[in-house]
Amino acid sequence: MKIRVIVAEDDPRIALLHQKMVQKMDDFEVISIANTIGELREQVQYLQPDLILLDVYFPDGNGIDFLSWLRQEEYKSDVVLITAAKEMQSLEKSLRFGVFDYLIKPIMFGRFEAALEKFRTYKKQFNDTSELSQSAIDAFFHGGVASQTSQTQALPKGVDGITLEKIVNLLRKEPTSFSSAASIAENLGINRTTARRYLEYLVANEKVEVDSLYGSVGRPERKYRLKPS
């Protein structure tokens, strides 16, 4: 099922850019673009999106005031703020109203991608969880990889949390199939050595299992898949 997104941005050029960035992501679709707060309120009422990518400054209002209205009206849409606003007050208010993430313009696609992947994991956890446990609750509050890999200490040098989460999400898409380091590297645009280092880290933490496949020539190829939960 697609995650339905409204892009709320007063500059049409930036709105189009954000739309194109969303279109690069699996499982997301832009269902509308709003250039004013008035348009956004109407669209939310009729379309009820899963996620709103929200600017702060509009000609007819303020995005954080809209966020307050959204919560008062009890709409279930989540919000990622994408804004040039750098004041602590804006951040504090947005956190109080339950913003999912806060991105400062101009944004890099890698950070944008990480925010949406984190949201996709969050939505999947809600859909897949029927009964609460402490580990399930920790996953909601502390994010996918941190709970799934049981990180009670800092990641070791050379292992980045965002890249680790991308690899886990990629393996999760093929829960019954083994993937090679080469295929993981190609999908994520990283080199094979890096992919193998992350995969072996997951193996060492007993989150991933390995199968060695023997070809006609050379050494066996190690392939990986997530262990069943």
C-alpha atoms as a PDB file:
ATOM      1  CA  MET A   1       0.000   0.000   0.000  1.00  0.00           C
ATOM      2  CA  LYS A   2       1.290   3.446  -0.945  1.00  0.00           C
ATOM      3  CA  ILE A   3       1.969   6.128   1.662  1.00  0.00           C
ATOM      4  CA  ARG A   4      -0.061   9.143   0.512  1.00  0.00           C
ATOM      5  CA  VAL A   5       1.778  12.472   0.704  1.00  0.00           C
ATOM      6  CA  ILE A   6       0.793  16.139   0.408  1.00  0.00           C
ATOM      7  CA  VAL A   7       3.598  18.605  -0.376  1.00  0.00           C
ATOM      8  CA  ALA A   8       2.822  21.949   1.300  1.00  0.00           C
ATOM      9  CA  GLU A   9       5.205  24.637   0.017  1.00  0.00           C
ATOM     10  CA  ASP A  10       4.512  28.232  -1.059  1.00  0.00           C
ATOM     11  CA  ASP A  11       7.225  28.269  -3.756  1.00  0.00           C
ATOM     12  CA  PRO A  12       5.926  26.183  -6.719  1.00  0.00           C
ATOM     13  CA  ARG A  13       9.469  25.402  -7.908  1.00  0.00           C
ATOM     14  CA  ILE A  14      10.519  23.988  -4.542  1.00  0.00           C
ATOM     15  CA  ALA A  15       7.211  22.125  -4.257  1.00  0.00           C
ATOM     16  CA  LEU A  16       7.916  20.444  -7.594  1.00  0.00           C
ATOM     17  CA  LEU A  17      11.444  19.560  -6.445  1.00  0.00           C
ATOM     18  CA  HIS A  18      10.102  17.929  -3.289  1.00  0.00           C
ATOM     19  CA  GLN A  19       7.511  16.064  -5.341  1.00  0.00           C
ATOM     20  CA  LYS A  20      10.256  14.639  -7.565  1.00  0.00           C
ATOM     21  CA  MET A  21      12.249  13.591  -4.496  1.00  0.00           C
ATOM     22  CA  VAL A  22       9.236  11.726  -3.125  1.00  0.00           C
ATOM     23  CA  GLN A  23       8.767   9.998  -6.481  1.00  0.00           C
ATOM     24  CA  LYS A  24      12.236   8.476  -6.143  1.00  0.00           C
ATOM     25  CA  MET A  25      11.111   6.636  -3.018  1.00  0.00           C
ATOM     26  CA  ASP A  26       9.409   3.252  -3.047  1.00  0.00           C
ATOM     27  CA  ASP A  27       5.964   3.048  -1.403  1.00  0.00           C
ATOM     28  CA  PHE A  28       5.289   6.810  -1.499  1.00  0.00           C
ATOM     29  CA  GLU A  29       3.048   8.859  -3.791  1.00  0.00           C
ATOM     30  CA  VAL A  30       2.294  12.601  -3.904  1.00  0.00           C
ATOM     31  CA  ILE A  31      -1.469  13.018  -4.035  1.00  0.00           C
ATOM     32  CA  SER A  32      -1.535  16.819  -3.994  1.00  0.00           C
ATOM     33  CA  ILE A  33       0.491  20.039  -3.729  1.00  0.00           C
ATOM     34  CA  ALA A  34      -0.662  22.989  -1.601  1.00  0.00           C
ATOM     35  CA  ASN A  35       0.846  26.464  -2.043  1.00  0.00           C
ATOM     36  CA  THR A  36      -1.168  28.134   0.726  1.00  0.00           C
ATOM     37  CA  ILE A  37      -2.449  27.227   4.190  1.00  0.00           C
ATOM     38  CA  GLY A  38      -6.015  27.609   2.903  1.00  0.00           C
ATOM     39  CA  GLU A  39      -5.411  25.055   0.150  1.00  0.00           C
ATOM     40  CA  LEU A  40      -3.707  22.734   2.606  1.00  0.00           C
ATOM     41  CA  ARG A  41      -6.617  22.746   5.063  1.00  0.00           C
ATOM     42  CA  GLU A  42      -9.076  21.885   2.298  1.00  0.00           C
ATOM     43  CA  GLN A  43      -6.869  19.123   0.935  1.00  0.00           C
ATOM     44  CA  VAL A  44      -6.333  17.561   4.356  1.00  0.00           C
ATOM     45  CA  GLN A  45     -10.079  17.498   5.018  1.00  0.00           C
ATOM     46  CA  TYR A  46     -10.882  15.804   1.698  1.00  0.00           C
ATOM     47  CA  LEU A  47      -7.780  13.666   1.080  1.00  0.00           C
ATOM     48  CA  GLN A  48      -6.652  12.808   4.646  1.00  0.00           C
ATOM     49  CA  PRO A  49      -3.022  12.038   3.698  1.00  0.00           C
ATOM     50  CA  ASP A  50      -0.691   9.784   5.630  1.00  0.00           C
ATOM     51  CA  LEU A  51       2.118  12.355   5.554  1.00  0.00           C
ATOM     52  CA  ILE A  52       2.452  16.109   4.983  1.00  0.00           C
ATOM     53  CA  LEU A  53       5.767  17.667   3.947  1.00  0.00           C
ATOM     54  CA  LEU A  54       5.194  21.086   5.476  1.00  0.00           C
ATOM     55  CA  ASP A  55       6.909  24.448   5.079  1.00  0.00           C
ATOM     56  CA  VAL A  56       6.618  27.042   7.877  1.00  0.00           C
ATOM     57  CA  TYR A  57       6.217  30.341   6.035  1.00  0.00           C
ATOM     58  CA  PHE A  58       3.167  30.883   3.807  1.00  0.00           C
ATOM     59  CA  PRO A  59       1.600  34.106   2.487  1.00  0.00           C
ATOM     60  CA  ASP A  60      -1.633  33.377   4.370  1.00  0.00           C
ATOM     61  CA  GLY A  61      -0.377  31.769   7.555  1.00  0.00           C
ATOM     62  CA  ASN A  62       2.216  29.788   9.463  1.00  0.00           C
ATOM     63  CA  GLY A  63       2.913  26.081   9.119  1.00  0.00           C
ATOM     64  CA  ILE A  64       3.346  25.528  12.857  1.00  0.00           C
ATOM     65  CA  ASP A  65      -0.019  27.197  13.516  1.00  0.00           C
ATOM     66  CA  PHE A  66      -1.449  24.807  10.923  1.00  0.00           C
ATOM     67  CA  LEU A  67       0.166  21.918  12.801  1.00  0.00           C
ATOM     68  CA  SER A  68      -1.597  23.076  15.970  1.00  0.00           C
ATOM     69  CA  TRP A  69      -4.920  23.155  14.070  1.00  0.00           C
ATOM     70  CA  LEU A  70      -4.257  19.679  12.636  1.00  0.00           C
ATOM     71  CA  ARG A  71      -3.892  18.231  16.139  1.00  0.00           C
ATOM     72  CA  GLN A  72      -6.892  20.118  17.529  1.00  0.00           C
ATOM     73  CA  GLU A  73      -9.040  18.728  14.721  1.00  0.00           C
ATOM     74  CA  GLU A  74      -7.635  15.248  15.457  1.00  0.00           C
ATOM     75  CA  TYR A  75      -6.520  14.441  11.930  1.00  0.00           C
ATOM     76  CA  LYS A  76      -4.180  11.465  11.867  1.00  0.00           C
ATOM     77  CA  SER A  77      -1.762  12.805   9.237  1.00  0.00           C
ATOM     78  CA  ASP A  78       1.891  12.860  10.268  1.00  0.00           C
ATOM     79  CA  VAL A  79       4.092  15.846   9.439  1.00  0.00           C
ATOM     80  CA  VAL A  80       7.696  16.350   8.365  1.00  0.00           C
ATOM     81  CA  LEU A  81       8.679  20.020   8.478  1.00  0.00           C
ATOM     82  CA  ILE A  82      10.921  21.159   5.609  1.00  0.00           C
ATOM     83  CA  THR A  83      11.782  24.771   6.292  1.00  0.00           C
ATOM     84  CA  ALA A  84      14.340  27.546   6.406  1.00  0.00           C
ATOM     85  CA  ALA A  85      13.209  28.353   9.958  1.00  0.00           C
ATOM     86  CA  LYS A  86      16.156  27.829  12.299  1.00  0.00           C
ATOM     87  CA  GLU A  87      14.745  29.343  15.484  1.00  0.00           C
ATOM     88  CA  MET A  88      14.682  27.060  18.524  1.00  0.00           C
ATOM     89  CA  GLN A  89      11.154  28.272  19.213  1.00  0.00           C
ATOM     90  CA  SER A  90       9.958  26.800  15.907  1.00  0.00           C
ATOM     91  CA  LEU A  91      11.584  23.474  16.707  1.00  0.00           C
ATOM     92  CA  GLU A  92      10.194  23.432  20.253  1.00  0.00           C
ATOM     93  CA  LYS A  93       6.638  24.157  19.106  1.00  0.00           C
ATOM     94  CA  SER A  94       6.785  21.614  16.306  1.00  0.00           C
ATOM     95  CA  LEU A  95       7.964  18.902  18.723  1.00  0.00           C
ATOM     96  CA  ARG A  96       5.145  19.768  21.109  1.00  0.00           C
ATOM     97  CA  PHE A  97       2.644  19.258  18.282  1.00  0.00           C
ATOM     98  CA  GLY A  98       4.103  15.885  17.350  1.00  0.00           C
ATOM     99  CA  VAL A  99       6.115  16.610  14.192  1.00  0.00           C
ATOM    100  CA  PHE A 100       7.757  13.424  12.891  1.00  0.00           C
ATOM    101  CA  ASP A 101      10.974  15.067  11.618  1.00  0.00           C
ATOM    102  CA  TYR A 102      12.436  18.534  10.991  1.00  0.00           C
ATOM    103  CA  LEU A 103      14.554  19.267   7.905  1.00  0.00           C
ATOM    104  CA  ILE A 104      16.403  22.536   7.277  1.00  0.00           C
ATOM    105  CA  LYS A 105      16.474  23.958   3.748  1.00  0.00           C
ATOM    106  CA  PRO A 106      18.256  23.480   1.470  1.00  0.00           C
ATOM    107  CA  ILE A 107      17.938  19.763   2.086  1.00  0.00           C
ATOM    108  CA  MET A 108      20.172  17.037   0.688  1.00  0.00           C
ATOM    109  CA  PHE A 109      18.421  14.042  -0.827  1.00  0.00           C
ATOM    110  CA  GLY A 110      20.227  11.635   1.508  1.00  0.00           C
ATOM    111  CA  ARG A 111      18.741  13.301   4.596  1.00  0.00           C
ATOM    112  CA  PHE A 112      15.329  13.542   2.931  1.00  0.00           C
ATOM    113  CA  GLU A 113      15.490   9.866   1.987  1.00  0.00           C
ATOM    114  CA  ALA A 114      16.463   8.878   5.545  1.00  0.00           C
ATOM    115  CA  ALA A 115      13.459  10.774   6.973  1.00  0.00           C
ATOM    116  CA  LEU A 116      10.988   9.065   4.650  1.00  0.00           C
ATOM    117  CA  GLU A 117      12.541   5.633   5.157  1.00  0.00           C
ATOM    118  CA  LYS A 118      12.238   6.126   8.899  1.00  0.00           C
ATOM    119  CA  PHE A 119       8.573   7.057   8.431  1.00  0.00           C
ATOM    120  CA  ARG A 120       7.966   4.000   6.227  1.00  0.00           C
ATOM    121  CA  THR A 121       9.469   1.756   8.952  1.00  0.00           C
ATOM    122  CA  TYR A 122       7.286   3.479  11.559  1.00  0.00           C
ATOM    123  CA  LYS A 123       4.116   2.892   9.524  1.00  0.00           C
ATOM    124  CA  LYS A 124       5.050  -0.725   8.887  1.00  0.00           C
ATOM    125  CA  GLN A 125       5.557  -1.316  12.606  1.00  0.00           C
ATOM    126  CA  PHE A 126       2.028  -0.053  13.273  1.00  0.00           C
ATOM    127  CA  ASN A 127       0.584  -2.298  10.579  1.00  0.00           C
ATOM    128  CA  ASP A 128       2.542  -5.375  11.670  1.00  0.00           C
ATOM    129  CA  THR A 129       2.228  -5.062  15.454  1.00  0.00           C
ATOM    130  CA  SER A 130      -0.894  -6.640  16.956  1.00  0.00           C
ATOM    131  CA  GLU A 131       0.213  -6.881  20.584  1.00  0.00           C
ATOM    132  CA  LEU A 132       2.499  -4.519  22.467  1.00  0.00           C
ATOM    133  CA  SER A 133       5.726  -5.608  24.108  1.00  0.00           C
ATOM    134  CA  GLN A 134       8.550  -3.509  25.509  1.00  0.00           C
ATOM    135  CA  SER A 135      10.664  -4.158  22.415  1.00  0.00           C
ATOM    136  CA  ALA A 136       7.778  -3.074  20.161  1.00  0.00           C
ATOM    137  CA  ILE A 137       7.293   0.092  22.200  1.00  0.00           C
ATOM    138  CA  ASP A 138      11.046   0.797  22.073  1.00  0.00           C
ATOM    139  CA  ALA A 139      10.890   0.450  18.282  1.00  0.00           C
ATOM    140  CA  PHE A 140       8.217   3.171  18.064  1.00  0.00           C
ATOM    141  CA  PHE A 141      10.035   5.580  20.358  1.00  0.00           C
ATOM    142  CA  HIS A 142      13.639   4.974  19.329  1.00  0.00           C
ATOM    143  CA  GLY A 143      13.456   4.041  15.647  1.00  0.00           C
ATOM    144  CA  GLY A 144      13.758   0.897  13.580  1.00  0.00           C
ATOM    145  CA  VAL A 145      17.425  -0.078  13.525  1.00  0.00           C
ATOM    146  CA  ALA A 146      18.273   0.972  17.064  1.00  0.00           C
ATOM    147  CA  SER A 147      15.730  -1.455  18.520  1.00  0.00           C
ATOM    148  CA  GLN A 148      16.026  -4.160  15.882  1.00  0.00           C
ATOM    149  CA  THR A 149      19.775  -4.501  16.314  1.00  0.00           C
ATOM    150  CA  SER A 150      19.507  -4.162  20.136  1.00  0.00           C
ATOM    151  CA  GLN A 151      22.109  -1.445  20.220  1.00  0.00           C
ATOM    152  CA  THR A 152      22.902  -0.942  23.872  1.00  0.00           C
ATOM    153  CA  GLN A 153      26.127   0.833  22.984  1.00  0.00           C
ATOM    154  CA  ALA A 154      27.337   3.181  20.269  1.00  0.00           C
ATOM    155  CA  LEU A 155      27.871   1.809  16.781  1.00  0.00           C
ATOM    156  CA  PRO A 156      31.496   0.902  16.084  1.00  0.00           C
ATOM    157  CA  LYS A 157      33.715   3.120  13.978  1.00  0.00           C
ATOM    158  CA  GLY A 158      32.913   2.748  10.290  1.00  0.00           C
ATOM    159  CA  VAL A 159      29.253   1.770  10.842  1.00  0.00           C
ATOM    160  CA  ASP A 160      26.750   4.567  10.229  1.00  0.00           C
ATOM    161  CA  GLY A 161      23.200   4.260  11.570  1.00  0.00           C
ATOM    162  CA  ILE A 162      21.480   5.584   8.444  1.00  0.00           C
ATOM    163  CA  THR A 163      23.349   3.222   6.099  1.00  0.00           C
ATOM    164  CA  LEU A 164      22.699   0.349   8.491  1.00  0.00           C
ATOM    165  CA  GLU A 165      18.982   1.130   8.457  1.00  0.00           C
ATOM    166  CA  LYS A 166      18.951   1.212   4.633  1.00  0.00           C
ATOM    167  CA  ILE A 167      20.532  -2.241   4.479  1.00  0.00           C
ATOM    168  CA  VAL A 168      18.091  -3.659   7.032  1.00  0.00           C
ATOM    169  CA  ASN A 169      15.148  -2.187   5.105  1.00  0.00           C
ATOM    170  CA  LEU A 170      16.472  -3.649   1.843  1.00  0.00           C
ATOM    171  CA  LEU A 171      16.851  -7.111   3.381  1.00  0.00           C
ATOM    172  CA  ARG A 172      13.362  -6.821   4.841  1.00  0.00           C
ATOM    173  CA  LYS A 173      11.894  -6.491   1.347  1.00  0.00           C
ATOM    174  CA  GLU A 174      13.096 -10.032   0.547  1.00  0.00           C
ATOM    175  CA  PRO A 175      12.551 -11.872   3.848  1.00  0.00           C
ATOM    176  CA  THR A 176      12.889 -15.377   2.364  1.00  0.00           C
ATOM    177  CA  SER A 177      15.719 -14.735  -0.112  1.00  0.00           C
ATOM    178  CA  PHE A 178      19.457 -14.464   0.420  1.00  0.00           C
ATOM    179  CA  SER A 179      21.162 -11.327  -0.976  1.00  0.00           C
ATOM    180  CA  SER A 180      24.813 -10.872  -1.885  1.00  0.00           C
ATOM    181  CA  ALA A 181      26.968  -7.965  -0.778  1.00  0.00           C
ATOM    182  CA  ALA A 182      27.274  -7.041  -4.464  1.00  0.00           C
ATOM    183  CA  SER A 183      23.499  -6.755  -4.938  1.00  0.00           C
ATOM    184  CA  ILE A 184      23.122  -4.738  -1.731  1.00  0.00           C
ATOM    185  CA  ALA A 185      25.921  -2.414  -2.850  1.00  0.00           C
ATOM    186  CA  GLU A 186      24.345  -1.911  -6.283  1.00  0.00           C
ATOM    187  CA  ASN A 187      20.905  -1.143  -4.837  1.00  0.00           C
ATOM    188  CA  LEU A 188      22.235   1.422  -2.363  1.00  0.00           C
ATOM    189  CA  GLY A 189      24.975   2.952  -4.515  1.00  0.00           C
ATOM    190  CA  ILE A 190      27.781   1.999  -2.138  1.00  0.00           C
ATOM    191  CA  ASN A 191      30.870  -0.103  -2.751  1.00  0.00           C
ATOM    192  CA  ARG A 192      30.890  -3.854  -2.142  1.00  0.00           C
ATOM    193  CA  THR A 193      33.423  -3.700   0.678  1.00  0.00           C
ATOM    194  CA  THR A 194      31.245  -1.252   2.596  1.00  0.00           C
ATOM    195  CA  ALA A 195      28.145  -3.386   2.079  1.00  0.00           C
ATOM    196  CA  ARG A 196      29.987  -6.495   3.291  1.00  0.00           C
ATOM    197  CA  ARG A 197      31.248  -4.681   6.410  1.00  0.00           C
ATOM    198  CA  TYR A 198      27.695  -3.724   7.402  1.00  0.00           C
ATOM    199  CA  LEU A 199      26.324  -7.176   6.626  1.00  0.00           C
ATOM    200  CA  GLU A 200      29.015  -8.851   8.709  1.00  0.00           C
ATOM    201  CA  TYR A 201      28.237  -6.431  11.550  1.00  0.00           C
ATOM    202  CA  LEU A 202      24.604  -7.600  11.406  1.00  0.00           C
ATOM    203  CA  VAL A 203      25.765 -11.229  11.332  1.00  0.00           C
ATOM    204  CA  ALA A 204      27.923 -10.637  14.425  1.00  0.00           C
ATOM    205  CA  ASN A 205      24.888  -9.159  16.186  1.00  0.00           C
ATOM    206  CA  GLU A 206      22.812 -12.220  15.218  1.00  0.00           C
ATOM    207  CA  LYS A 207      20.320 -10.212  13.148  1.00  0.00           C
ATOM    208  CA  VAL A 208      21.347 -11.690   9.794  1.00  0.00           C
ATOM    209  CA  GLU A 209      22.107 -15.264   8.750  1.00  0.00           C
ATOM    210  CA  VAL A 210      24.555 -16.366   6.074  1.00  0.00           C
ATOM    211  CA  ASP A 211      24.500 -18.960   3.331  1.00  0.00           C
ATOM    212  CA  SER A 212      27.610 -19.833   1.302  1.00  0.00           C
ATOM    213  CA  LEU A 213      26.889 -20.662  -2.332  1.00  0.00           C
ATOM    214  CA  TYR A 214      29.505 -22.491  -4.355  1.00  0.00           C
ATOM    215  CA  GLY A 215      29.963 -21.612  -8.008  1.00  0.00           C
ATOM    216  CA  SER A 216      31.884 -23.456 -10.681  1.00  0.00           C
ATOM    217  CA  VAL A 217      35.019 -21.367 -10.135  1.00  0.00           C
ATOM    218  CA  GLY A 218      36.593 -19.593  -7.175  1.00  0.00           C
ATOM    219  CA  ARG A 219      35.648 -19.129  -3.544  1.00  0.00           C
ATOM    220  CA  PRO A 220      32.094 -19.573  -2.243  1.00  0.00           C
ATOM    221  CA  GLU A 221      29.943 -16.432  -2.248  1.00  0.00           C
ATOM    222  CA  ARG A 222      28.425 -15.392   1.077  1.00  0.00           C
ATOM    223  CA  LYS A 223      24.770 -14.370   0.901  1.00  0.00           C
ATOM    224  CA  TYR A 224      22.666 -12.818   3.621  1.00  0.00           C
ATOM    225  CA  ARG A 225      19.093 -12.526   4.842  1.00  0.00           C
ATOM    226  CA  LEU A 226      17.391 -11.262   7.992  1.00  0.00           C
ATOM    227  CA  LYS A 227      16.727 -13.849  10.639  1.00  0.00           C
ATOM    228  CA  PRO A 228      13.019 -14.430  11.301  1.00  0.00           C
ATOM    229  CA  SER A 229      11.741 -12.255  14.134  1.00  0.00           C
END
